[in-house]
PDB file of N, CA and C in Angstrom:
ATOM      1  N   UNK A   1      72.870  26.892-116.721  1.00  0.00           N
ATOM      2  CA  UNK A   1      72.116  26.960-115.476  1.00  0.00           C
ATOM      3  C   UNK A   1      70.634  26.791-115.806  1.00  0.00           C
ATOM      4  N   UNK A   2      70.001  25.832-115.219  1.00  0.00           N
ATOM      5  CA  UNK A   2      68.585  25.585-115.471  1.00  0.00           C
ATOM      6  C   UNK A   2      67.763  26.221-114.374  1.00  0.00           C
ATOM      7  N   UNK A   3      66.607  26.724-114.764  1.00  0.00           N
ATOM      8  CA  UNK A   3      65.739  27.333-113.756  1.00  0.00           C
ATOM      9  C   UNK A   3      64.768  26.269-113.263  1.00  0.00           C
ATOM     10  N   UNK A   4      64.667  26.197-111.959  1.00  0.00           N
ATOM     11  CA  UNK A   4      63.757  25.235-111.365  1.00  0.00           C
ATOM     12  C   UNK A   4      62.478  25.946-110.956  1.00  0.00           C
ATOM     13  N   UNK A   5      61.373  25.238-111.125  1.00  0.00           N
ATOM     14  CA  UNK A   5      60.084  25.768-110.725  1.00  0.00           C
ATOM     15  C   UNK A   5      59.737  25.194-109.360  1.00  0.00           C
ATOM     16  N   UNK A   6      59.411  26.064-108.440  1.00  0.00           N
ATOM     17  CA  UNK A   6      59.022  25.631-107.106  1.00  0.00           C
ATOM     18  C   UNK A   6      57.554  25.244-107.141  1.00  0.00           C
ATOM     19  N   UNK A   7      57.268  23.987-106.918  1.00  0.00           N
ATOM     20  CA  UNK A   7      55.894  23.489-106.899  1.00  0.00           C
ATOM     21  C   UNK A   7      55.349  23.553-105.479  1.00  0.00           C
ATOM     22  N   UNK A   8      54.178  24.102-105.333  1.00  0.00           N
ATOM     23  CA  UNK A   8      53.528  24.149-104.028  1.00  0.00           C
ATOM     24  C   UNK A   8      52.785  22.827-103.852  1.00  0.00           C
ATOM     25  N   UNK A   9      53.069  22.093-102.767  1.00  0.00           N
ATOM     26  CA  UNK A   9      52.424  20.791-102.567  1.00  0.00           C
ATOM     27  C   UNK A   9      50.899  20.914-102.494  1.00  0.00           C
ATOM     28  N   UNK A  10      50.223  19.911-103.038  1.00  0.00           N
ATOM     29  CA  UNK A  10      48.752  19.905-103.058  1.00  0.00           C
ATOM     30  C   UNK A  10      48.175  19.993-101.655  1.00  0.00           C
ATOM     31  N   UNK A  11      48.808  19.343-100.676  1.00  0.00           N
ATOM     32  CA  UNK A  11      48.309  19.377 -99.302  1.00  0.00           C
ATOM     33  C   UNK A  11      48.364  20.797 -98.736  1.00  0.00           C
ATOM     34  N   UNK A  12      49.439  21.509 -99.068  1.00  0.00           N
ATOM     35  CA  UNK A  12      49.578  22.876 -98.584  1.00  0.00           C
ATOM     36  C   UNK A  12      48.518  23.772 -99.236  1.00  0.00           C
ATOM     37  N   UNK A  13      48.271  23.575-100.545  1.00  0.00           N
ATOM     38  CA  UNK A  13      47.237  24.362-101.230  1.00  0.00           C
ATOM     39  C   UNK A  13      45.864  24.071-100.633  1.00  0.00           C
ATOM     40  N   UNK A  14      45.586  22.785-100.328  1.00  0.00           N
ATOM     41  CA  UNK A  14      44.295  22.418 -99.748  1.00  0.00           C
ATOM     42  C   UNK A  14      44.118  23.048 -98.366  1.00  0.00           C
ATOM     43  N   UNK A  15      45.173  23.019 -97.558  1.00  0.00           N
ATOM     44  CA  UNK A  15      45.111  23.639 -96.229  1.00  0.00           C
ATOM     45  C   UNK A  15      44.881  25.148 -96.353  1.00  0.00           C
ATOM     46  N   UNK A  16      45.603  25.779 -97.268  1.00  0.00           N
ATOM     47  CA  UNK A  16      45.451  27.225 -97.458  1.00  0.00           C
ATOM     48  C   UNK A  16      44.059  27.556 -97.949  1.00  0.00           C
ATOM     49  N   UNK A  17      43.527  26.737 -98.845  1.00  0.00           N
ATOM     50  CA  UNK A  17      42.184  26.982 -99.362  1.00  0.00           C
ATOM     51  C   UNK A  17      41.143  26.878 -98.246  1.00  0.00           C
ATOM     52  N   UNK A  18      41.292  25.865 -97.374  1.00  0.00           N
ATOM     53  CA  UNK A  18      40.382  25.720 -96.241  1.00  0.00           C
ATOM     54  C   UNK A  18      40.493  26.928 -95.307  1.00  0.00           C
ATOM     55  N   UNK A  19      41.698  27.403 -95.083  1.00  0.00           N
ATOM     56  CA  UNK A  19      41.903  28.579 -94.230  1.00  0.00           C
ATOM     57  C   UNK A  19      41.251  29.814 -94.820  1.00  0.00           C
ATOM     58  N   UNK A  20      41.363  29.970 -96.130  1.00  0.00           N
ATOM     59  CA  UNK A  20      40.730  31.120 -96.799  1.00  0.00           C
ATOM     60  C   UNK A  20      39.217  31.029 -96.650  1.00  0.00           C
ATOM     61  N   UNK A  21      38.658  29.829 -96.841  1.00  0.00           N
ATOM     62  CA  UNK A  21      37.212  29.659 -96.689  1.00  0.00           C
ATOM     63  C   UNK A  21      36.755  30.006 -95.272  1.00  0.00           C
ATOM     64  N   UNK A  22      37.518  29.579 -94.262  1.00  0.00           N
ATOM     65  CA  UNK A  22      37.164  29.881 -92.872  1.00  0.00           C
ATOM     66  C   UNK A  22      37.251  31.382 -92.600  1.00  0.00           C
ATOM     67  N   UNK A  23      38.280  32.016 -93.127  1.00  0.00           N
ATOM     68  CA  UNK A  23      38.421  33.463 -92.935  1.00  0.00           C
ATOM     69  C   UNK A  23      37.299  34.209 -93.646  1.00  0.00           C
ATOM     70  N   UNK A  24      36.943  33.746 -94.857  1.00  0.00           N
ATOM     71  CA  UNK A  24      35.846  34.371 -95.603  1.00  0.00           C
ATOM     72  C   UNK A  24      34.554  34.302 -94.787  1.00  0.00           C
ATOM     73  N   UNK A  25      34.275  33.151 -94.185  1.00  0.00           N
ATOM     74  CA  UNK A  25      33.074  32.983 -93.367  1.00  0.00           C
ATOM     75  C   UNK A  25      33.104  33.923 -92.170  1.00  0.00           C
ATOM     76  N   UNK A  26      34.249  34.025 -91.514  1.00  0.00           N
ATOM     77  CA  UNK A  26      34.368  34.904 -90.351  1.00  0.00           C
ATOM     78  C   UNK A  26      34.135  36.370 -90.728  1.00  0.00           C
ATOM     79  N   UNK A  27      34.726  36.802 -91.828  1.00  0.00           N
ATOM     80  CA  UNK A  27      34.556  38.197 -92.256  1.00  0.00           C
ATOM     81  C   UNK A  27      33.114  38.448 -92.683  1.00  0.00           C
ATOM     82  N   UNK A  28      32.506  37.478 -93.369  1.00  0.00           N
ATOM     83  CA  UNK A  28      31.102  37.636 -93.761  1.00  0.00           C
ATOM     84  C   UNK A  28      30.206  37.789 -92.538  1.00  0.00           C
ATOM     85  N   UNK A  29      30.463  36.998 -91.514  1.00  0.00           N
ATOM     86  CA  UNK A  29      29.695  37.093 -90.274  1.00  0.00           C
ATOM     87  C   UNK A  29      29.880  38.467 -89.635  1.00  0.00           C
ATOM     88  N   UNK A  30      31.124  38.934 -89.593  1.00  0.00           N
ATOM     89  CA  UNK A  30      31.405  40.257 -89.026  1.00  0.00           C
ATOM     90  C   UNK A  30      30.684  41.353 -89.807  1.00  0.00           C
ATOM     91  N   UNK A  31      30.776  41.296 -91.131  1.00  0.00           N
ATOM     92  CA  UNK A  31      30.128  42.319 -91.955  1.00  0.00           C
ATOM     93  C   UNK A  31      28.618  42.252 -91.787  1.00  0.00           C
ATOM     94  N   UNK A  32      28.063  41.038 -91.731  1.00  0.00           N
ATOM     95  CA  UNK A  32      26.625  40.883 -91.517  1.00  0.00           C
ATOM     96  C   UNK A  32      26.179  41.519 -90.215  1.00  0.00           C
ATOM     97  N   UNK A  33      26.961  41.320 -89.160  1.00  0.00           N
ATOM     98  CA  UNK A  33      26.658  41.915 -87.859  1.00  0.00           C
ATOM     99  C   UNK A  33      26.731  43.444 -87.940  1.00  0.00           C
ATOM    100  N   UNK A  34      27.747  43.950 -88.629  1.00  0.00           N
ATOM    101  CA  UNK A  34      27.887  45.402 -88.773  1.00  0.00           C
ATOM    102  C   UNK A  34      26.707  45.990 -89.544  1.00  0.00           C
ATOM    103  N   UNK A  35      26.256  45.293 -90.571  1.00  0.00           N
ATOM    104  CA  UNK A  35      25.106  45.769 -91.352  1.00  0.00           C
ATOM    105  C   UNK A  35      23.850  45.773 -90.488  1.00  0.00           C
ATOM    106  N   UNK A  36      23.645  44.717 -89.703  1.00  0.00           N
ATOM    107  CA  UNK A  36      22.478  44.672 -88.811  1.00  0.00           C
ATOM    108  C   UNK A  36      22.514  45.818 -87.804  1.00  0.00           C
ATOM    109  N   UNK A  37      23.694  46.109 -87.285  1.00  0.00           N
ATOM    110  CA  UNK A  37      23.842  47.223 -86.340  1.00  0.00           C
ATOM    111  C   UNK A  37      23.491  48.545 -87.014  1.00  0.00           C
ATOM    112  N   UNK A  38      23.970  48.728 -88.239  1.00  0.00           N
ATOM    113  CA  UNK A  38      23.663  49.961 -88.980  1.00  0.00           C
ATOM    114  C   UNK A  38      22.165  50.072 -89.241  1.00  0.00           C
ATOM    115  N   UNK A  39      21.527  48.955 -89.552  1.00  0.00           N
ATOM    116  CA  UNK A  39      20.074  48.969 -89.786  1.00  0.00           C
ATOM    117  C   UNK A  39      19.315  49.317 -88.507  1.00  0.00           C
ATOM    118  N   UNK A  40      19.818  48.861 -87.372  1.00  0.00           N
ATOM    119  CA  UNK A  40      19.172  49.170 -86.095  1.00  0.00           C
ATOM    120  C   UNK A  40      19.277  50.657 -85.771  1.00  0.00           C
ATOM    121  N   UNK A  41      20.357  51.280 -86.259  1.00  0.00           N
ATOM    122  CA  UNK A  41      20.521  52.720 -86.031  1.00  0.00           C
ATOM    123  C   UNK A  41      19.430  53.519 -86.744  1.00  0.00           C
ATOM    124  N   UNK A  42      18.814  52.936 -87.736  1.00  0.00           N
ATOM    125  CA  UNK A  42      17.800  53.644 -88.510  1.00  0.00           C
ATOM    126  C   UNK A  42      16.504  53.837 -87.735  1.00  0.00           C
ATOM    127  N   UNK A  43      16.391  53.221 -86.581  1.00  0.00           N
ATOM    128  CA  UNK A  43      15.158  53.337 -85.804  1.00  0.00           C
ATOM    129  C   UNK A  43      14.942  54.746 -85.255  1.00  0.00           C
ATOM    130  N   UNK A  44      16.001  55.530 -85.127  1.00  0.00           N
ATOM    131  CA  UNK A  44      15.848  56.908 -84.665  1.00  0.00           C
ATOM    132  C   UNK A  44      15.888  57.847 -85.860  1.00  0.00           C
ATOM    133  N   UNK A  45      15.300  59.039 -85.696  1.00  0.00           N
ATOM    134  CA  UNK A  45      15.202  59.957 -86.826  1.00  0.00           C
ATOM    135  C   UNK A  45      16.198  61.097 -86.705  1.00  0.00           C
ATOM    136  N   UNK A  46      16.202  61.923 -87.705  1.00  0.00           N
ATOM    137  CA  UNK A  46      17.067  63.096 -87.746  1.00  0.00           C
ATOM    138  C   UNK A  46      17.896  63.094 -89.011  1.00  0.00           C
ATOM    139  N   UNK A  47      18.038  64.251 -89.607  1.00  0.00           N
ATOM    140  CA  UNK A  47      18.742  64.329 -90.888  1.00  0.00           C
ATOM    141  C   UNK A  47      20.229  64.018 -90.756  1.00  0.00           C
ATOM    142  N   UNK A  48      20.855  64.436 -89.660  1.00  0.00           N
ATOM    143  CA  UNK A  48      22.274  64.149 -89.464  1.00  0.00           C
ATOM    144  C   UNK A  48      22.473  62.647 -89.330  1.00  0.00           C
ATOM    145  N   UNK A  49      21.617  62.042 -88.554  1.00  0.00           N
ATOM    146  CA  UNK A  49      21.736  60.605 -88.363  1.00  0.00           C
ATOM    147  C   UNK A  49      21.464  59.865 -89.674  1.00  0.00           C
ATOM    148  N   UNK A  50      20.487  60.326 -90.435  1.00  0.00           N
ATOM    149  CA  UNK A  50      20.193  59.695 -91.726  1.00  0.00           C
ATOM    150  C   UNK A  50      21.384  59.830 -92.666  1.00  0.00           C
ATOM    151  N   UNK A  51      22.014  60.994 -92.652  1.00  0.00           N
ATOM    152  CA  UNK A  51      23.189  61.204 -93.490  1.00  0.00           C
ATOM    153  C   UNK A  51      24.335  60.299 -93.066  1.00  0.00           C
ATOM    154  N   UNK A  52      24.531  60.179 -91.766  1.00  0.00           N
ATOM    155  CA  UNK A  52      25.588  59.308 -91.264  1.00  0.00           C
ATOM    156  C   UNK A  52      25.299  57.847 -91.612  1.00  0.00           C
ATOM    157  N   UNK A  53      24.040  57.472 -91.555  1.00  0.00           N
ATOM    158  CA  UNK A  53      23.665  56.100 -91.904  1.00  0.00           C
ATOM    159  C   UNK A  53      23.984  55.815 -93.368  1.00  0.00           C
ATOM    160  N   UNK A  54      23.785  56.809 -94.221  1.00  0.00           N
ATOM    161  CA  UNK A  54      24.112  56.650 -95.631  1.00  0.00           C
ATOM    162  C   UNK A  54      25.607  56.448 -95.814  1.00  0.00           C
ATOM    163  N   UNK A  55      26.386  57.246 -95.106  1.00  0.00           N
ATOM    164  CA  UNK A  55      27.848  57.117 -95.189  1.00  0.00           C
ATOM    165  C   UNK A  55      28.290  55.756 -94.650  1.00  0.00           C
ATOM    166  N   UNK A  56      27.727  55.350 -93.515  1.00  0.00           N
ATOM    167  CA  UNK A  56      28.075  54.054 -92.931  1.00  0.00           C
ATOM    168  C   UNK A  56      27.690  52.923 -93.872  1.00  0.00           C
ATOM    169  N   UNK A  57      26.505  52.996 -94.445  1.00  0.00           N
ATOM    170  CA  UNK A  57      26.051  51.947 -95.365  1.00  0.00           C
ATOM    171  C   UNK A  57      26.968  51.862 -96.584  1.00  0.00           C
ATOM    172  N   UNK A  58      27.332  53.019 -97.133  1.00  0.00           N
ATOM    173  CA  UNK A  58      28.228  53.040 -98.293  1.00  0.00           C
ATOM    174  C   UNK A  58      29.591  52.461 -97.924  1.00  0.00           C
ATOM    175  N   UNK A  59      30.091  52.837 -96.760  1.00  0.00           N
ATOM    176  CA  UNK A  59      31.387  52.333 -96.303  1.00  0.00           C
ATOM    177  C   UNK A  59      31.338  50.820 -96.108  1.00  0.00           C
ATOM    178  N   UNK A  60      30.260  50.338 -95.503  1.00  0.00           N
ATOM    179  CA  UNK A  60      30.123  48.896 -95.307  1.00  0.00           C
ATOM    180  C   UNK A  60      30.034  48.156 -96.639  1.00  0.00           C
ATOM    181  N   UNK A  61      29.345  48.745 -97.610  1.00  0.00           N
ATOM    182  CA  UNK A  61      29.297  48.149 -98.953  1.00  0.00           C
ATOM    183  C   UNK A  61      30.706  48.037 -99.533  1.00  0.00           C
ATOM    184  N   UNK A  62      31.491  49.098 -99.360  1.00  0.00           N
ATOM    185  CA  UNK A  62      32.855  49.087 -99.888  1.00  0.00           C
ATOM    186  C   UNK A  62      33.728  48.079 -99.153  1.00  0.00           C
ATOM    187  N   UNK A  63      33.562  47.999 -97.838  1.00  0.00           N
ATOM    188  CA  UNK A  63      34.322  47.010 -97.062  1.00  0.00           C
ATOM    189  C   UNK A  63      33.975  45.608 -97.540  1.00  0.00           C
ATOM    190  N   UNK A  64      32.696  45.371 -97.761  1.00  0.00           N
ATOM    191  CA  UNK A  64      32.263  44.060 -98.226  1.00  0.00           C
ATOM    192  C   UNK A  64      32.829  43.766 -99.622  1.00  0.00           C
ATOM    193  N   UNK A  65      32.776  44.736-100.526  1.00  0.00           N
ATOM    194  CA  UNK A  65      33.346  44.554-101.863  1.00  0.00           C
ATOM    195  C   UNK A  65      34.839  44.239-101.788  1.00  0.00           C
ATOM    196  N   UNK A  66      35.560  44.979-100.937  1.00  0.00           N
ATOM    197  CA  UNK A  66      37.005  44.756-100.785  1.00  0.00           C
ATOM    198  C   UNK A  66      37.298  43.387-100.180  1.00  0.00           C
ATOM    199  N   UNK A  67      36.483  42.982 -99.216  1.00  0.00           N
ATOM    200  CA  UNK A  67      36.679  41.665 -98.605  1.00  0.00           C
ATOM    201  C   UNK A  67      36.452  40.561 -99.626  1.00  0.00           C
ATOM    202  N   UNK A  68      35.396  40.692-100.414  1.00  0.00           N
ATOM    203  CA  UNK A  68      35.119  39.691-101.451  1.00  0.00           C
ATOM    204  C   UNK A  68      36.279  39.622-102.438  1.00  0.00           C
ATOM    205  N   UNK A  69      36.759  40.776-102.886  1.00  0.00           N
ATOM    206  CA  UNK A  69      37.877  40.808-103.836  1.00  0.00           C
ATOM    207  C   UNK A  69      39.126  40.180-103.230  1.00  0.00           C
ATOM    208  N   UNK A  70      39.382  40.470-101.964  1.00  0.00           N
ATOM    209  CA  UNK A  70      40.566  39.922-101.299  1.00  0.00           C
ATOM    210  C   UNK A  70      40.458  38.412-101.145  1.00  0.00           C
ATOM    211  N   UNK A  71      39.293  37.937-100.757  1.00  0.00           N
ATOM    212  CA  UNK A  71      39.133  36.490-100.611  1.00  0.00           C
ATOM    213  C   UNK A  71      39.159  35.782-101.962  1.00  0.00           C
ATOM    214  N   UNK A  72      38.599  36.414-102.981  1.00  0.00           N
ATOM    215  CA  UNK A  72      38.687  35.832-104.324  1.00  0.00           C
ATOM    216  C   UNK A  72      40.149  35.715-104.751  1.00  0.00           C
ATOM    217  N   UNK A  73      40.916  36.764-104.481  1.00  0.00           N
ATOM    218  CA  UNK A  73      42.348  36.746-104.782  1.00  0.00           C
ATOM    219  C   UNK A  73      43.049  35.634-104.003  1.00  0.00           C
ATOM    220  N   UNK A  74      42.763  35.557-102.703  1.00  0.00           N
ATOM    221  CA  UNK A  74      43.408  34.535-101.868  1.00  0.00           C
ATOM    222  C   UNK A  74      43.068  33.136-102.365  1.00  0.00           C
ATOM    223  N   UNK A  75      41.816  32.953-102.767  1.00  0.00           N
ATOM    224  CA  UNK A  75      41.393  31.652-103.290  1.00  0.00           C
ATOM    225  C   UNK A  75      42.184  31.306-104.549  1.00  0.00           C
ATOM    226  N   UNK A  76      42.347  32.273-105.431  1.00  0.00           N
ATOM    227  CA  UNK A  76      43.135  32.041-106.651  1.00  0.00           C
ATOM    228  C   UNK A  76      44.603  31.809-106.308  1.00  0.00           C
ATOM    229  N   UNK A  77      45.094  32.562-105.332  1.00  0.00           N
ATOM    230  CA  UNK A  77      46.505  32.463-104.958  1.00  0.00           C
ATOM    231  C   UNK A  77      46.863  31.081-104.414  1.00  0.00           C
ATOM    232  N   UNK A  78      45.992  30.535-103.581  1.00  0.00           N
ATOM    233  CA  UNK A  78      46.303  29.223-103.019  1.00  0.00           C
ATOM    234  C   UNK A  78      46.237  28.119-104.069  1.00  0.00           C
ATOM    235  N   UNK A  79      45.648  28.416-105.206  1.00  0.00           N
ATOM    236  CA  UNK A  79      45.567  27.423-106.284  1.00  0.00           C
ATOM    237  C   UNK A  79      46.713  27.536-107.282  1.00  0.00           C
ATOM    238  N   UNK A  80      47.559  28.555-107.104  1.00  0.00           N
ATOM    239  CA  UNK A  80      48.684  28.698-108.029  1.00  0.00           C
ATOM    240  C   UNK A  80      49.653  27.546-107.854  1.00  0.00           C
ATOM    241  N   UNK A  81      50.363  27.245-108.916  1.00  0.00           N
ATOM    242  CA  UNK A  81      51.259  26.089-108.895  1.00  0.00           C
ATOM    243  C   UNK A  81      52.727  26.489-108.781  1.00  0.00           C
ATOM    244  N   UNK A  82      53.022  27.772-109.078  1.00  0.00           N
ATOM    245  CA  UNK A  82      54.417  28.184-108.958  1.00  0.00           C
ATOM    246  C   UNK A  82      54.492  29.668-108.621  1.00  0.00           C
ATOM    247  N   UNK A  83      55.704  30.111-108.314  1.00  0.00           N
ATOM    248  CA  UNK A  83      55.923  31.479-107.860  1.00  0.00           C
ATOM    249  C   UNK A  83      55.590  32.509-108.936  1.00  0.00           C
ATOM    250  N   UNK A  84      55.925  32.222-110.170  1.00  0.00           N
ATOM    251  CA  UNK A  84      55.646  33.189-111.253  1.00  0.00           C
ATOM    252  C   UNK A  84      54.144  33.430-111.401  1.00  0.00           C
ATOM    253  N   UNK A  85      53.377  32.361-111.390  1.00  0.00           N
ATOM    254  CA  UNK A  85      51.921  32.495-111.475  1.00  0.00           C
ATOM    255  C   UNK A  85      51.390  33.313-110.300  1.00  0.00           C
ATOM    256  N   UNK A  86      51.926  33.071-109.106  1.00  0.00           N
ATOM    257  CA  UNK A  86      51.517  33.808-107.912  1.00  0.00           C
ATOM    258  C   UNK A  86      51.862  35.295-108.047  1.00  0.00           C
ATOM    259  N   UNK A  87      53.054  35.596-108.556  1.00  0.00           N
ATOM    260  CA  UNK A  87      53.466  36.998-108.717  1.00  0.00           C
ATOM    261  C   UNK A  87      52.619  37.715-109.766  1.00  0.00           C
ATOM    262  N   UNK A  88      52.298  37.049-110.859  1.00  0.00           N
ATOM    263  CA  UNK A  88      51.426  37.640-111.885  1.00  0.00           C
ATOM    264  C   UNK A  88      50.050  37.949-111.298  1.00  0.00           C
ATOM    265  N   UNK A  89      49.539  37.006-110.544  1.00  0.00           N
ATOM    266  CA  UNK A  89      48.235  37.181-109.912  1.00  0.00           C
ATOM    267  C   UNK A  89      48.268  38.338-108.913  1.00  0.00           C
ATOM    268  N   UNK A  90      49.335  38.427-108.142  1.00  0.00           N
ATOM    269  CA  UNK A  90      49.510  39.508-107.161  1.00  0.00           C
ATOM    270  C   UNK A  90      49.520  40.867-107.849  1.00  0.00           C
ATOM    271  N   UNK A  91      50.266  40.965-108.951  1.00  0.00           N
ATOM    272  CA  UNK A  91      50.337  42.230-109.683  1.00  0.00           C
ATOM    273  C   UNK A  91      48.970  42.666-110.196  1.00  0.00           C
ATOM    274  N   UNK A  92      48.233  41.723-110.741  1.00  0.00           N
ATOM    275  CA  UNK A  92      46.890  42.025-111.243  1.00  0.00           C
ATOM    276  C   UNK A  92      45.972  42.478-110.110  1.00  0.00           C
ATOM    277  N   UNK A  93      46.056  41.785-108.980  1.00  0.00           N
ATOM    278  CA  UNK A  93      45.225  42.134-107.827  1.00  0.00           C
ATOM    279  C   UNK A  93      45.537  43.541-107.331  1.00  0.00           C
ATOM    280  N   UNK A  94      46.814  43.864-107.205  1.00  0.00           N
ATOM    281  CA  UNK A  94      47.218  45.190-106.710  1.00  0.00           C
ATOM    282  C   UNK A  94      46.708  46.281-107.659  1.00  0.00           C
ATOM    283  N   UNK A  95      46.881  46.085-108.956  1.00  0.00           N
ATOM    284  CA  UNK A  95      46.394  47.089-109.931  1.00  0.00           C
ATOM    285  C   UNK A  95      44.883  47.283-109.800  1.00  0.00           C
ATOM    286  N   UNK A  96      44.147  46.184-109.702  1.00  0.00           N
ATOM    287  CA  UNK A  96      42.688  46.282-109.581  1.00  0.00           C
ATOM    288  C   UNK A  96      42.275  46.956-108.276  1.00  0.00           C
ATOM    289  N   UNK A  97      42.952  46.624-107.190  1.00  0.00           N
ATOM    290  CA  UNK A  97      42.599  47.218-105.901  1.00  0.00           C
ATOM    291  C   UNK A  97      42.902  48.712-105.859  1.00  0.00           C
ATOM    292  N   UNK A  98      43.993  49.125-106.458  1.00  0.00           N
ATOM    293  CA  UNK A  98      44.306  50.563-106.500  1.00  0.00           C
ATOM    294  C   UNK A  98      43.208  51.307-107.238  1.00  0.00           C
ATOM    295  N   UNK A  99      42.788  50.774-108.373  1.00  0.00           N
ATOM    296  CA  UNK A  99      41.704  51.412-109.140  1.00  0.00           C
ATOM    297  C   UNK A  99      40.408  51.424-108.334  1.00  0.00           C
ATOM    298  N   UNK A 100      40.099  50.315-107.669  1.00  0.00           N
ATOM    299  CA  UNK A 100      38.876  50.247-106.862  1.00  0.00           C
ATOM    300  C   UNK A 100      38.917  51.214-105.691  1.00  0.00           C
ATOM    301  N   UNK A 101      40.055  51.294-105.017  1.00  0.00           N
ATOM    302  CA  UNK A 101      40.169  52.204-103.872  1.00  0.00           C
ATOM    303  C   UNK A 101      40.054  53.663-104.300  1.00  0.00           C
ATOM    304  N   UNK A 102      40.601  53.986-105.463  1.00  0.00           N
ATOM    305  CA  UNK A 102      40.467  55.358-105.966  1.00  0.00           C
ATOM    306  C   UNK A 102      38.997  55.678-106.249  1.00  0.00           C
ATOM    307  N   UNK A 103      38.294  54.757-106.870  1.00  0.00           N
ATOM    308  CA  UNK A 103      36.873  54.974-107.164  1.00  0.00           C
ATOM    309  C   UNK A 103      36.063  55.069-105.876  1.00  0.00           C
ATOM    310  N   UNK A 104      36.393  54.219-104.904  1.00  0.00           N
ATOM    311  CA  UNK A 104      35.674  54.249-103.634  1.00  0.00           C
ATOM    312  C   UNK A 104      35.929  55.549-102.877  1.00  0.00           C
ATOM    313  N   UNK A 105      37.155  56.026-102.898  1.00  0.00           N
ATOM    314  CA  UNK A 105      37.469  57.297-102.227  1.00  0.00           C
ATOM    315  C   UNK A 105      36.702  58.443-102.881  1.00  0.00           C
ATOM    316  N   UNK A 106      36.633  58.422-104.194  1.00  0.00           N
ATOM    317  CA  UNK A 106      35.889  59.466-104.915  1.00  0.00           C
ATOM    318  C   UNK A 106      34.408  59.408-104.539  1.00  0.00           C
ATOM    319  N   UNK A 107      33.842  58.200-104.503  1.00  0.00           N
ATOM    320  CA  UNK A 107      32.430  58.051-104.120  1.00  0.00           C
ATOM    321  C   UNK A 107      32.170  58.560-102.702  1.00  0.00           C
ATOM    322  N   UNK A 108      33.056  58.198-101.771  1.00  0.00           N
ATOM    323  CA  UNK A 108      32.875  58.659-100.395  1.00  0.00           C
ATOM    324  C   UNK A 108      33.055  60.170-100.280  1.00  0.00           C
ATOM    325  N   UNK A 109      33.982  60.726-101.049  1.00  0.00           N
ATOM    326  CA  UNK A 109      34.175  62.179-101.046  1.00  0.00           C
ATOM    327  C   UNK A 109      32.932  62.906-101.529  1.00  0.00           C
ATOM    328  N   UNK A 110      32.358  62.412-102.611  1.00  0.00           N
ATOM    329  CA  UNK A 110      31.127  63.004-103.151  1.00  0.00           C
ATOM    330  C   UNK A 110      29.991  62.870-102.146  1.00  0.00           C
ATOM    331  N   UNK A 111      29.883  61.702-101.545  1.00  0.00           N
ATOM    332  CA  UNK A 111      28.839  61.475-100.550  1.00  0.00           C
ATOM    333  C   UNK A 111      29.017  62.390 -99.343  1.00  0.00           C
ATOM    334  N   UNK A 112      30.246  62.537 -98.893  1.00  0.00           N
ATOM    335  CA  UNK A 112      30.521  63.413 -97.742  1.00  0.00           C
ATOM    336  C   UNK A 112      30.171  64.867 -98.068  1.00  0.00           C
ATOM    337  N   UNK A 113      30.526  65.310 -99.267  1.00  0.00           N
ATOM    338  CA  UNK A 113      30.195  66.684 -99.664  1.00  0.00           C
ATOM    339  C   UNK A 113      28.685  66.884 -99.686  1.00  0.00           C
ATOM    340  N   UNK A 114      27.973  65.928-100.240  1.00  0.00           N
ATOM    341  CA  UNK A 114      26.516  66.041-100.306  1.00  0.00           C
ATOM    342  C   UNK A 114      25.890  65.966 -98.922  1.00  0.00           C
ATOM    343  N   UNK A 115      26.481  65.208 -98.036  1.00  0.00           N
ATOM    344  CA  UNK A 115      25.972  65.062 -96.669  1.00  0.00           C
ATOM    345  C   UNK A 115      26.172  66.346 -95.876  1.00  0.00           C
ATOM    346  N   UNK A 116      27.313  67.005 -96.091  1.00  0.00           N
ATOM    347  CA  UNK A 116      27.631  68.213 -95.328  1.00  0.00           C
ATOM    348  C   UNK A 116      26.957  69.465 -95.875  1.00  0.00           C
ATOM    349  N   UNK A 117      26.465  69.409 -97.104  1.00  0.00           N
ATOM    350  CA  UNK A 117      25.782  70.555 -97.690  1.00  0.00           C
ATOM    351  C   UNK A 117      24.467  70.819 -96.973  1.00  0.00           C
ATOM    352  N   UNK A 118      24.224  72.056 -96.608  1.00  0.00           N
ATOM    353  CA  UNK A 118      22.935  72.357 -95.961  1.00  0.00           C
ATOM    354  C   UNK A 118      21.794  72.188 -96.959  1.00  0.00           C
ATOM    355  N   UNK A 119      20.689  71.687 -96.469  1.00  0.00           N
ATOM    356  CA  UNK A 119      19.506  71.522 -97.319  1.00  0.00           C
ATOM    357  C   UNK A 119      18.950  72.877 -97.692  1.00  0.00           C
ATOM    358  N   UNK A 120      18.491  72.974 -98.934  1.00  0.00           N
ATOM    359  CA  UNK A 120      17.935  74.250 -99.394  1.00  0.00           C
ATOM    360  C   UNK A 120      16.455  74.282 -99.212  1.00  0.00           C
TER     361      UNK A 120
END
């Protein structure tokens, strides 16, 4: 029994790559708008609001990092030539994202604790 390799047609890879680029642009625009909104919130004062702005800014940074990583993965994925290469890439991406999400959760937890602590 011979194993056959499923080849992804070049046209399909090109279409997928274009779709990833369009989605990347859309998400970048959304994140840019969210960042501008967060910056506009800084026009008012108050320690609670400043603390919330820090949390929002950190969260937006993490969302942007995750979006970049996801689009980078998608870009690599659409360039794969067979299922095995795609599965290897998927496994690597999942491992990296789990580590990143754990680090991000820890950072947000620390930030939240520092934000909720009363000033001395």
